[in-house]
Amino acid sequence: MTTKSYKIGKNIIVLTLLTIISVSACSCKKNEAGTQQGYATGKITDTKGQPIPGVEVAIENTLVGYHSTANGVTDSKGLYKIKVSNVGTFHASAYLNKTFNGKQYKLELHCDDNDAFGNEGAVRDFQWRLTGEKPVALDGYYGSTIELYNEPGYYINEANITLTLIPIGNLIDGSAGTTLTKRPIVTSYGMVHDIPLGKYTVSATYNGVPLRLKKLDSNQAYSNTMSIEFEQYISTGTPIARISYNQ
């Protein structure tokens, strides 16, 4: 064997050994992260970091369509383990069903990694968040929304409305809320986004002058203050309160 051939052979052996070491390191990293071949696993926690049992988790096979799902429920430690099919690209989502002030809500939970994964498996942890922007901007926020509608014939620049929201009792997660001061974002109508889900006393001013409020399309009389609760009009949609205003 020539010296040149010996060096080439030696280089190949070294590269092979480095590749094996690299693959082994990756495998160890996956094991440390808890990834299990063919399974989606993870943990679901509440707003205080405590595990939530009985939460619905869906693993959707996006390769064959969103109607192909594998479902599971978290155990007493907030853990889930769901087997995925041999072929596909998968996306994890989780929802918390919660009754609050006699109303039923289905709340989307925040995933720590929104990327799709394959049959190699993945760890996807979820947390209940009262506020914050969802990973996909078009999906909106984890908080609730107030929609503002003018009384017919009364037109003002809604961007100059200031709302004050004072919590009535605790928020949906049992925590104490705080007084909020918000201005709407105006598209075709005014909207105040990302409000922690709870019950509130609401008042409003326009350029410092008090507005009168009532629930939209109700027989209520207008008043300087009103109490609001949020309704979930579709099962996985944002809870909304709709307010009509006048002066």
C-alpha atoms as a PDB file:
ATOM      1  CA  MET A   1       0.000   0.000   0.000  1.00  0.00           C
ATOM      2  CA  THR A   2       1.390   3.418  -0.915  1.00  0.00           C
ATOM      3  CA  THR A   3       1.764   6.209   1.615  1.00  0.00           C
ATOM      4  CA  LYS A   4      -0.940   8.206  -0.191  1.00  0.00           C
ATOM      5  CA  SER A   5      -3.411   5.279  -0.100  1.00  0.00           C
ATOM      6  CA  TYR A   6      -2.635   4.717   3.593  1.00  0.00           C
ATOM      7  CA  LYS A   7      -3.422   8.365   4.407  1.00  0.00           C
ATOM      8  CA  ILE A   8      -6.706   8.264   2.466  1.00  0.00           C
ATOM      9  CA  GLY A   9      -7.734   5.062   4.236  1.00  0.00           C
ATOM     10  CA  LYS A  10      -6.846   6.541   7.604  1.00  0.00           C
ATOM     11  CA  ASN A  11      -8.909   9.669   6.882  1.00  0.00           C
ATOM     12  CA  ILE A  12     -11.927   7.546   5.949  1.00  0.00           C
ATOM     13  CA  ILE A  13     -11.662   5.619   9.211  1.00  0.00           C
ATOM     14  CA  VAL A  14     -11.428   8.856  11.220  1.00  0.00           C
ATOM     15  CA  LEU A  15     -14.448  10.353   9.429  1.00  0.00           C
ATOM     16  CA  THR A  16     -16.431   7.157  10.012  1.00  0.00           C
ATOM     17  CA  LEU A  17     -15.601   7.211  13.725  1.00  0.00           C
ATOM     18  CA  LEU A  18     -16.584  10.903  13.965  1.00  0.00           C
ATOM     19  CA  THR A  19     -19.902  10.151  12.233  1.00  0.00           C
ATOM     20  CA  ILE A  20     -20.641   7.308  14.665  1.00  0.00           C
ATOM     21  CA  ILE A  21     -19.807   9.544  17.627  1.00  0.00           C
ATOM     22  CA  SER A  22     -21.990  12.337  16.224  1.00  0.00           C
ATOM     23  CA  VAL A  23     -24.962  10.002  15.672  1.00  0.00           C
ATOM     24  CA  SER A  24     -24.527   8.584  19.168  1.00  0.00           C
ATOM     25  CA  ALA A  25     -24.481  12.080  20.628  1.00  0.00           C
ATOM     26  CA  CYS A  26     -27.688  12.971  18.811  1.00  0.00           C
ATOM     27  CA  SER A  27     -29.333   9.775  20.037  1.00  0.00           C
ATOM     28  CA  CYS A  28     -28.311  10.565  23.609  1.00  0.00           C
ATOM     29  CA  LYS A  29     -29.731  14.055  23.264  1.00  0.00           C
ATOM     30  CA  LYS A  30     -33.068  12.662  22.078  1.00  0.00           C
ATOM     31  CA  ASN A  31     -33.152  10.157  24.940  1.00  0.00           C
ATOM     32  CA  GLU A  32     -32.357  12.899  27.452  1.00  0.00           C
ATOM     33  CA  ALA A  33     -35.206  14.957  26.057  1.00  0.00           C
ATOM     34  CA  GLY A  34     -37.546  11.987  26.528  1.00  0.00           C
ATOM     35  CA  THR A  35     -38.353  11.402  22.862  1.00  0.00           C
ATOM     36  CA  GLN A  36     -39.791   7.944  22.202  1.00  0.00           C
ATOM     37  CA  GLN A  37     -39.906   6.409  18.723  1.00  0.00           C
ATOM     38  CA  GLY A  38     -43.450   6.404  17.369  1.00  0.00           C
ATOM     39  CA  TYR A  39     -44.959   8.394  20.270  1.00  0.00           C
ATOM     40  CA  ALA A  40     -45.901  11.962  21.113  1.00  0.00           C
ATOM     41  CA  THR A  41     -45.361  12.606  24.813  1.00  0.00           C
ATOM     42  CA  GLY A  42     -45.419  15.605  27.092  1.00  0.00           C
ATOM     43  CA  LYS A  43     -46.706  17.360  30.171  1.00  0.00           C
ATOM     44  CA  ILE A  44     -49.468  19.925  30.652  1.00  0.00           C
ATOM     45  CA  THR A  45     -49.332  22.533  33.408  1.00  0.00           C
ATOM     46  CA  ASP A  46     -51.580  25.340  34.605  1.00  0.00           C
ATOM     47  CA  THR A  47     -50.821  29.052  34.940  1.00  0.00           C
ATOM     48  CA  LYS A  48     -48.902  28.345  38.164  1.00  0.00           C
ATOM     49  CA  GLY A  49     -46.846  25.473  36.712  1.00  0.00           C
ATOM     50  CA  GLN A  50     -48.878  22.709  38.370  1.00  0.00           C
ATOM     51  CA  PRO A  51     -49.857  19.574  36.363  1.00  0.00           C
ATOM     52  CA  ILE A  52     -53.388  19.382  34.972  1.00  0.00           C
ATOM     53  CA  PRO A  53     -55.027  15.938  34.720  1.00  0.00           C
ATOM     54  CA  GLY A  54     -57.773  15.072  32.254  1.00  0.00           C
ATOM     55  CA  VAL A  55     -56.728  17.458  29.480  1.00  0.00           C
ATOM     56  CA  GLU A  56     -57.565  16.531  25.885  1.00  0.00           C
ATOM     57  CA  VAL A  57     -54.536  16.233  23.549  1.00  0.00           C
ATOM     58  CA  ALA A  58     -54.879  15.768  19.781  1.00  0.00           C
ATOM     59  CA  ILE A  59     -52.112  14.643  17.410  1.00  0.00           C
ATOM     60  CA  GLU A  60     -53.172  15.535  13.877  1.00  0.00           C
ATOM     61  CA  ASN A  61     -51.648  13.839  10.847  1.00  0.00           C
ATOM     62  CA  THR A  62     -51.232  16.828   8.547  1.00  0.00           C
ATOM     63  CA  LEU A  63     -49.944  14.654   5.693  1.00  0.00           C
ATOM     64  CA  VAL A  64     -53.297  12.930   5.233  1.00  0.00           C
ATOM     65  CA  GLY A  65     -55.515  15.759   6.477  1.00  0.00           C
ATOM     66  CA  TYR A  66     -56.548  17.328   9.746  1.00  0.00           C
ATOM     67  CA  HIS A  67     -59.444  14.911  10.180  1.00  0.00           C
ATOM     68  CA  SER A  68     -56.958  12.113  10.893  1.00  0.00           C
ATOM     69  CA  THR A  69     -56.125  12.421  14.581  1.00  0.00           C
ATOM     70  CA  ALA A  70     -54.892  10.346  17.491  1.00  0.00           C
ATOM     71  CA  ASN A  71     -56.241  11.508  20.844  1.00  0.00           C
ATOM     72  CA  GLY A  72     -55.209  11.123  24.446  1.00  0.00           C
ATOM     73  CA  VAL A  73     -55.825  12.537  27.916  1.00  0.00           C
ATOM     74  CA  THR A  74     -53.330  13.570  30.589  1.00  0.00           C
ATOM     75  CA  ASP A  75     -52.984  11.416  33.709  1.00  0.00           C
ATOM     76  CA  SER A  76     -52.904  12.517  37.361  1.00  0.00           C
ATOM     77  CA  LYS A  77     -49.376  13.928  36.858  1.00  0.00           C
ATOM     78  CA  GLY A  78     -50.368  15.931  33.778  1.00  0.00           C
ATOM     79  CA  LEU A  79     -48.543  13.519  31.460  1.00  0.00           C
ATOM     80  CA  TYR A  80     -49.717  12.057  28.161  1.00  0.00           C
ATOM     81  CA  LYS A  81     -48.388   9.471  25.706  1.00  0.00           C
ATOM     82  CA  ILE A  82     -50.011   9.020  22.287  1.00  0.00           C
ATOM     83  CA  LYS A  83     -48.930   6.562  19.595  1.00  0.00           C
ATOM     84  CA  VAL A  84     -48.639   8.023  16.098  1.00  0.00           C
ATOM     85  CA  SER A  85     -48.987   6.152  12.811  1.00  0.00           C
ATOM     86  CA  ASN A  86     -45.991   4.878  10.843  1.00  0.00           C
ATOM     87  CA  VAL A  87     -46.430   7.406   8.041  1.00  0.00           C
ATOM     88  CA  GLY A  88     -47.232  11.069   8.389  1.00  0.00           C
ATOM     89  CA  THR A  89     -46.316  14.528   9.560  1.00  0.00           C
ATOM     90  CA  PHE A  90     -47.837  15.372  12.915  1.00  0.00           C
ATOM     91  CA  HIS A  91     -48.900  18.460  14.853  1.00  0.00           C
ATOM     92  CA  ALA A  92     -49.885  18.527  18.528  1.00  0.00           C
ATOM     93  CA  SER A  93     -52.623  20.617  20.116  1.00  0.00           C
ATOM     94  CA  ALA A  94     -54.334  20.602  23.498  1.00  0.00           C
ATOM     95  CA  TYR A  95     -57.494  22.140  24.931  1.00  0.00           C
ATOM     96  CA  LEU A  96     -58.713  22.659  28.470  1.00  0.00           C
ATOM     97  CA  ASN A  97     -62.443  22.330  29.138  1.00  0.00           C
ATOM     98  CA  LYS A  98     -63.341  24.609  32.030  1.00  0.00           C
ATOM     99  CA  THR A  99     -66.595  25.713  33.653  1.00  0.00           C
ATOM    100  CA  PHE A 100     -66.475  29.280  35.000  1.00  0.00           C
ATOM    101  CA  ASN A 101     -69.380  31.317  36.401  1.00  0.00           C
ATOM    102  CA  GLY A 102     -71.786  28.752  34.954  1.00  0.00           C
ATOM    103  CA  LYS A 103     -70.349  29.019  31.435  1.00  0.00           C
ATOM    104  CA  GLN A 104     -68.414  26.313  29.588  1.00  0.00           C
ATOM    105  CA  TYR A 105     -65.157  27.203  27.836  1.00  0.00           C
ATOM    106  CA  LYS A 106     -62.767  25.226  25.633  1.00  0.00           C
ATOM    107  CA  LEU A 107     -59.401  26.962  25.920  1.00  0.00           C
ATOM    108  CA  GLU A 108     -56.433  26.402  23.627  1.00  0.00           C
ATOM    109  CA  LEU A 109     -53.204  25.703  25.533  1.00  0.00           C
ATOM    110  CA  HIS A 110     -49.753  27.013  24.631  1.00  0.00           C
ATOM    111  CA  CYS A 111     -47.323  24.493  23.110  1.00  0.00           C
ATOM    112  CA  ASP A 112     -43.605  24.932  23.794  1.00  0.00           C
ATOM    113  CA  ASP A 113     -42.764  23.797  20.232  1.00  0.00           C
ATOM    114  CA  ASN A 114     -45.288  24.375  17.458  1.00  0.00           C
ATOM    115  CA  ASP A 115     -43.213  22.624  14.750  1.00  0.00           C
ATOM    116  CA  ALA A 116     -44.457  19.462  13.033  1.00  0.00           C
ATOM    117  CA  PHE A 117     -42.708  16.126  13.606  1.00  0.00           C
ATOM    118  CA  GLY A 118     -42.517  12.644  12.090  1.00  0.00           C
ATOM    119  CA  ASN A 119     -42.678   9.058  13.273  1.00  0.00           C
ATOM    120  CA  GLU A 120     -39.440   9.515  15.210  1.00  0.00           C
ATOM    121  CA  GLY A 121     -41.682  10.940  17.922  1.00  0.00           C
ATOM    122  CA  ALA A 122     -41.554  14.208  19.828  1.00  0.00           C
ATOM    123  CA  VAL A 123     -41.980  15.820  23.212  1.00  0.00           C
ATOM    124  CA  ARG A 124     -44.575  18.582  23.230  1.00  0.00           C
ATOM    125  CA  ASP A 125     -45.300  20.294  26.545  1.00  0.00           C
ATOM    126  CA  PHE A 126     -48.283  22.611  27.013  1.00  0.00           C
ATOM    127  CA  GLN A 127     -49.109  25.412  29.438  1.00  0.00           C
ATOM    128  CA  TRP A 128     -52.339  27.230  30.204  1.00  0.00           C
ATOM    129  CA  ARG A 129     -51.862  30.941  29.526  1.00  0.00           C
ATOM    130  CA  LEU A 130     -54.417  33.653  30.276  1.00  0.00           C
ATOM    131  CA  THR A 131     -52.815  36.165  27.904  1.00  0.00           C
ATOM    132  CA  GLY A 132     -50.239  36.403  25.153  1.00  0.00           C
ATOM    133  CA  GLU A 133     -50.067  36.056  21.382  1.00  0.00           C
ATOM    134  CA  LYS A 134     -50.546  32.579  19.947  1.00  0.00           C
ATOM    135  CA  PRO A 135     -47.650  31.054  17.918  1.00  0.00           C
ATOM    136  CA  VAL A 136     -49.506  31.621  14.653  1.00  0.00           C
ATOM    137  CA  ALA A 137     -50.238  35.351  14.534  1.00  0.00           C
ATOM    138  CA  LEU A 138     -53.492  34.934  12.586  1.00  0.00           C
ATOM    139  CA  ASP A 139     -54.858  32.791  15.444  1.00  0.00           C
ATOM    140  CA  GLY A 140     -54.913  35.796  17.764  1.00  0.00           C
ATOM    141  CA  TYR A 141     -54.388  35.746  21.531  1.00  0.00           C
ATOM    142  CA  TYR A 142     -54.945  33.473  24.514  1.00  0.00           C
ATOM    143  CA  GLY A 143     -56.899  36.239  26.238  1.00  0.00           C
ATOM    144  CA  SER A 144     -60.491  37.297  25.577  1.00  0.00           C
ATOM    145  CA  THR A 145     -61.771  40.076  23.313  1.00  0.00           C
ATOM    146  CA  ILE A 146     -64.186  42.988  23.727  1.00  0.00           C
ATOM    147  CA  GLU A 147     -65.930  44.205  20.577  1.00  0.00           C
ATOM    148  CA  LEU A 148     -67.318  47.754  20.528  1.00  0.00           C
ATOM    149  CA  TYR A 149     -70.329  48.828  18.461  1.00  0.00           C
ATOM    150  CA  ASN A 150     -71.742  52.339  18.160  1.00  0.00           C
ATOM    151  CA  GLU A 151     -75.407  53.096  18.671  1.00  0.00           C
ATOM    152  CA  PRO A 152     -76.820  53.725  15.150  1.00  0.00           C
ATOM    153  CA  GLY A 153     -76.411  57.393  14.261  1.00  0.00           C
ATOM    154  CA  TYR A 154     -73.677  58.024  16.841  1.00  0.00           C
ATOM    155  CA  TYR A 155     -70.251  58.091  15.203  1.00  0.00           C
ATOM    156  CA  ILE A 156     -66.921  58.791  16.897  1.00  0.00           C
ATOM    157  CA  ASN A 157     -63.284  57.843  16.419  1.00  0.00           C
ATOM    158  CA  GLU A 158     -63.156  54.628  18.441  1.00  0.00           C
ATOM    159  CA  ALA A 159     -59.363  54.856  18.705  1.00  0.00           C
ATOM    160  CA  ASN A 160     -59.959  57.649  21.255  1.00  0.00           C
ATOM    161  CA  ILE A 161     -62.091  55.453  23.550  1.00  0.00           C
ATOM    162  CA  THR A 162     -60.507  54.352  26.817  1.00  0.00           C
ATOM    163  CA  LEU A 163     -61.945  51.359  28.661  1.00  0.00           C
ATOM    164  CA  THR A 164     -61.418  50.634  32.350  1.00  0.00           C
ATOM    165  CA  LEU A 165     -62.008  47.048  33.495  1.00  0.00           C
ATOM    166  CA  ILE A 166     -62.246  46.187  37.196  1.00  0.00           C
ATOM    167  CA  PRO A 167     -62.330  42.446  38.018  1.00  0.00           C
ATOM    168  CA  ILE A 168     -65.359  41.020  39.840  1.00  0.00           C
ATOM    169  CA  GLY A 169     -64.004  38.069  41.822  1.00  0.00           C
ATOM    170  CA  ASN A 170     -61.161  35.857  40.637  1.00  0.00           C
ATOM    171  CA  LEU A 171     -60.161  35.066  37.068  1.00  0.00           C
ATOM    172  CA  ILE A 172     -60.897  31.697  35.471  1.00  0.00           C
ATOM    173  CA  ASP A 173     -57.669  30.154  36.845  1.00  0.00           C
ATOM    174  CA  GLY A 174     -58.527  31.236  40.404  1.00  0.00           C
ATOM    175  CA  SER A 175     -56.008  34.075  40.508  1.00  0.00           C
ATOM    176  CA  ALA A 176     -56.813  37.659  41.462  1.00  0.00           C
ATOM    177  CA  GLY A 177     -57.154  39.978  38.491  1.00  0.00           C
ATOM    178  CA  THR A 178     -55.972  43.569  38.253  1.00  0.00           C
ATOM    179  CA  THR A 179     -57.652  46.729  36.992  1.00  0.00           C
ATOM    180  CA  LEU A 180     -56.974  47.193  33.280  1.00  0.00           C
ATOM    181  CA  THR A 181     -56.994  50.330  31.145  1.00  0.00           C
ATOM    182  CA  LYS A 182     -57.249  49.616  27.421  1.00  0.00           C
ATOM    183  CA  ARG A 183     -57.736  51.379  24.105  1.00  0.00           C
ATOM    184  CA  PRO A 184     -59.279  49.525  21.164  1.00  0.00           C
ATOM    185  CA  ILE A 185     -57.661  48.569  17.896  1.00  0.00           C
ATOM    186  CA  VAL A 186     -59.969  49.822  15.160  1.00  0.00           C
ATOM    187  CA  THR A 187     -60.665  47.867  11.969  1.00  0.00           C
ATOM    188  CA  SER A 188     -64.286  47.843  10.829  1.00  0.00           C
ATOM    189  CA  TYR A 189     -65.122  48.220  14.542  1.00  0.00           C
ATOM    190  CA  GLY A 190     -63.189  48.654  17.771  1.00  0.00           C
ATOM    191  CA  MET A 191     -61.667  45.600  19.461  1.00  0.00           C
ATOM    192  CA  VAL A 192     -59.774  45.229  22.730  1.00  0.00           C
ATOM    193  CA  HIS A 193     -57.708  42.036  22.663  1.00  0.00           C
ATOM    194  CA  ASP A 194     -55.992  39.746  25.145  1.00  0.00           C
ATOM    195  CA  ILE A 195     -58.020  40.320  28.308  1.00  0.00           C
ATOM    196  CA  PRO A 196     -57.589  37.642  31.022  1.00  0.00           C
ATOM    197  CA  LEU A 197     -60.819  35.633  31.129  1.00  0.00           C
ATOM    198  CA  GLY A 198     -62.960  36.754  34.046  1.00  0.00           C
ATOM    199  CA  LYS A 199     -65.949  38.889  34.966  1.00  0.00           C
ATOM    200  CA  TYR A 200     -65.466  42.669  34.949  1.00  0.00           C
ATOM    201  CA  THR A 201     -67.132  45.994  35.694  1.00  0.00           C
ATOM    202  CA  VAL A 202     -66.505  48.179  32.641  1.00  0.00           C
ATOM    203  CA  SER A 203     -66.607  51.928  32.131  1.00  0.00           C
ATOM    204  CA  ALA A 204     -65.499  53.986  29.130  1.00  0.00           C
ATOM    205  CA  THR A 205     -64.606  57.526  28.158  1.00  0.00           C
ATOM    206  CA  TYR A 206     -64.215  59.265  24.813  1.00  0.00           C
ATOM    207  CA  ASN A 207     -61.579  62.012  24.945  1.00  0.00           C
ATOM    208  CA  GLY A 208     -62.167  62.105  28.696  1.00  0.00           C
ATOM    209  CA  VAL A 209     -65.978  62.321  28.452  1.00  0.00           C
ATOM    210  CA  PRO A 210     -67.906  59.317  29.896  1.00  0.00           C
ATOM    211  CA  LEU A 211     -69.691  57.002  27.481  1.00  0.00           C
ATOM    212  CA  ARG A 212     -72.822  55.006  28.256  1.00  0.00           C
ATOM    213  CA  LEU A 213     -72.669  51.265  27.712  1.00  0.00           C
ATOM    214  CA  LYS A 214     -74.877  48.212  27.412  1.00  0.00           C
ATOM    215  CA  LYS A 215     -74.705  44.661  26.111  1.00  0.00           C
ATOM    216  CA  LEU A 216     -75.068  44.633  22.329  1.00  0.00           C
ATOM    217  CA  ASP A 217     -78.593  43.869  21.031  1.00  0.00           C
ATOM    218  CA  SER A 218     -80.011  43.685  24.543  1.00  0.00           C
ATOM    219  CA  ASN A 219     -82.992  45.419  26.152  1.00  0.00           C
ATOM    220  CA  GLN A 220     -80.746  46.852  28.847  1.00  0.00           C
ATOM    221  CA  ALA A 221     -80.696  50.581  29.449  1.00  0.00           C
ATOM    222  CA  TYR A 222     -77.455  52.421  28.764  1.00  0.00           C
ATOM    223  CA  SER A 223     -75.383  53.065  31.868  1.00  0.00           C
ATOM    224  CA  ASN A 224     -72.025  54.609  32.761  1.00  0.00           C
ATOM    225  CA  THR A 225     -70.877  51.214  34.044  1.00  0.00           C
ATOM    226  CA  MET A 226     -71.824  47.648  33.225  1.00  0.00           C
ATOM    227  CA  SER A 227     -70.695  44.153  34.097  1.00  0.00           C
ATOM    228  CA  ILE A 228     -69.473  41.840  31.349  1.00  0.00           C
ATOM    229  CA  GLU A 229     -68.843  38.139  30.938  1.00  0.00           C
ATOM    230  CA  PHE A 230     -67.302  36.538  27.878  1.00  0.00           C
ATOM    231  CA  GLU A 231     -69.134  34.109  25.619  1.00  0.00           C
ATOM    232  CA  GLN A 232     -67.435  31.452  23.491  1.00  0.00           C
ATOM    233  CA  TYR A 233     -69.485  31.467  20.317  1.00  0.00           C
ATOM    234  CA  ILE A 234     -67.627  28.562  18.698  1.00  0.00           C
ATOM    235  CA  SER A 235     -66.094  25.621  20.575  1.00  0.00           C
ATOM    236  CA  THR A 236     -62.447  26.555  20.062  1.00  0.00           C
ATOM    237  CA  GLY A 237     -62.862  30.296  19.419  1.00  0.00           C
ATOM    238  CA  THR A 238     -61.832  33.323  21.433  1.00  0.00           C
ATOM    239  CA  PRO A 239     -64.275  34.251  24.238  1.00  0.00           C
ATOM    240  CA  ILE A 240     -65.925  37.549  23.297  1.00  0.00           C
ATOM    241  CA  ALA A 241     -67.990  40.280  25.005  1.00  0.00           C
ATOM    242  CA  ARG A 242     -69.895  42.636  22.696  1.00  0.00           C
ATOM    243  CA  ILE A 243     -70.678  46.153  23.949  1.00  0.00           C
ATOM    244  CA  SER A 244     -72.788  48.916  22.448  1.00  0.00           C
ATOM    245  CA  TYR A 245     -71.939  52.514  23.371  1.00  0.00           C
ATOM    246  CA  ASN A 246     -73.579  55.935  23.227  1.00  0.00           C
ATOM    247  CA  GLN A 247     -73.088  59.317  24.899  1.00  0.00           C
END
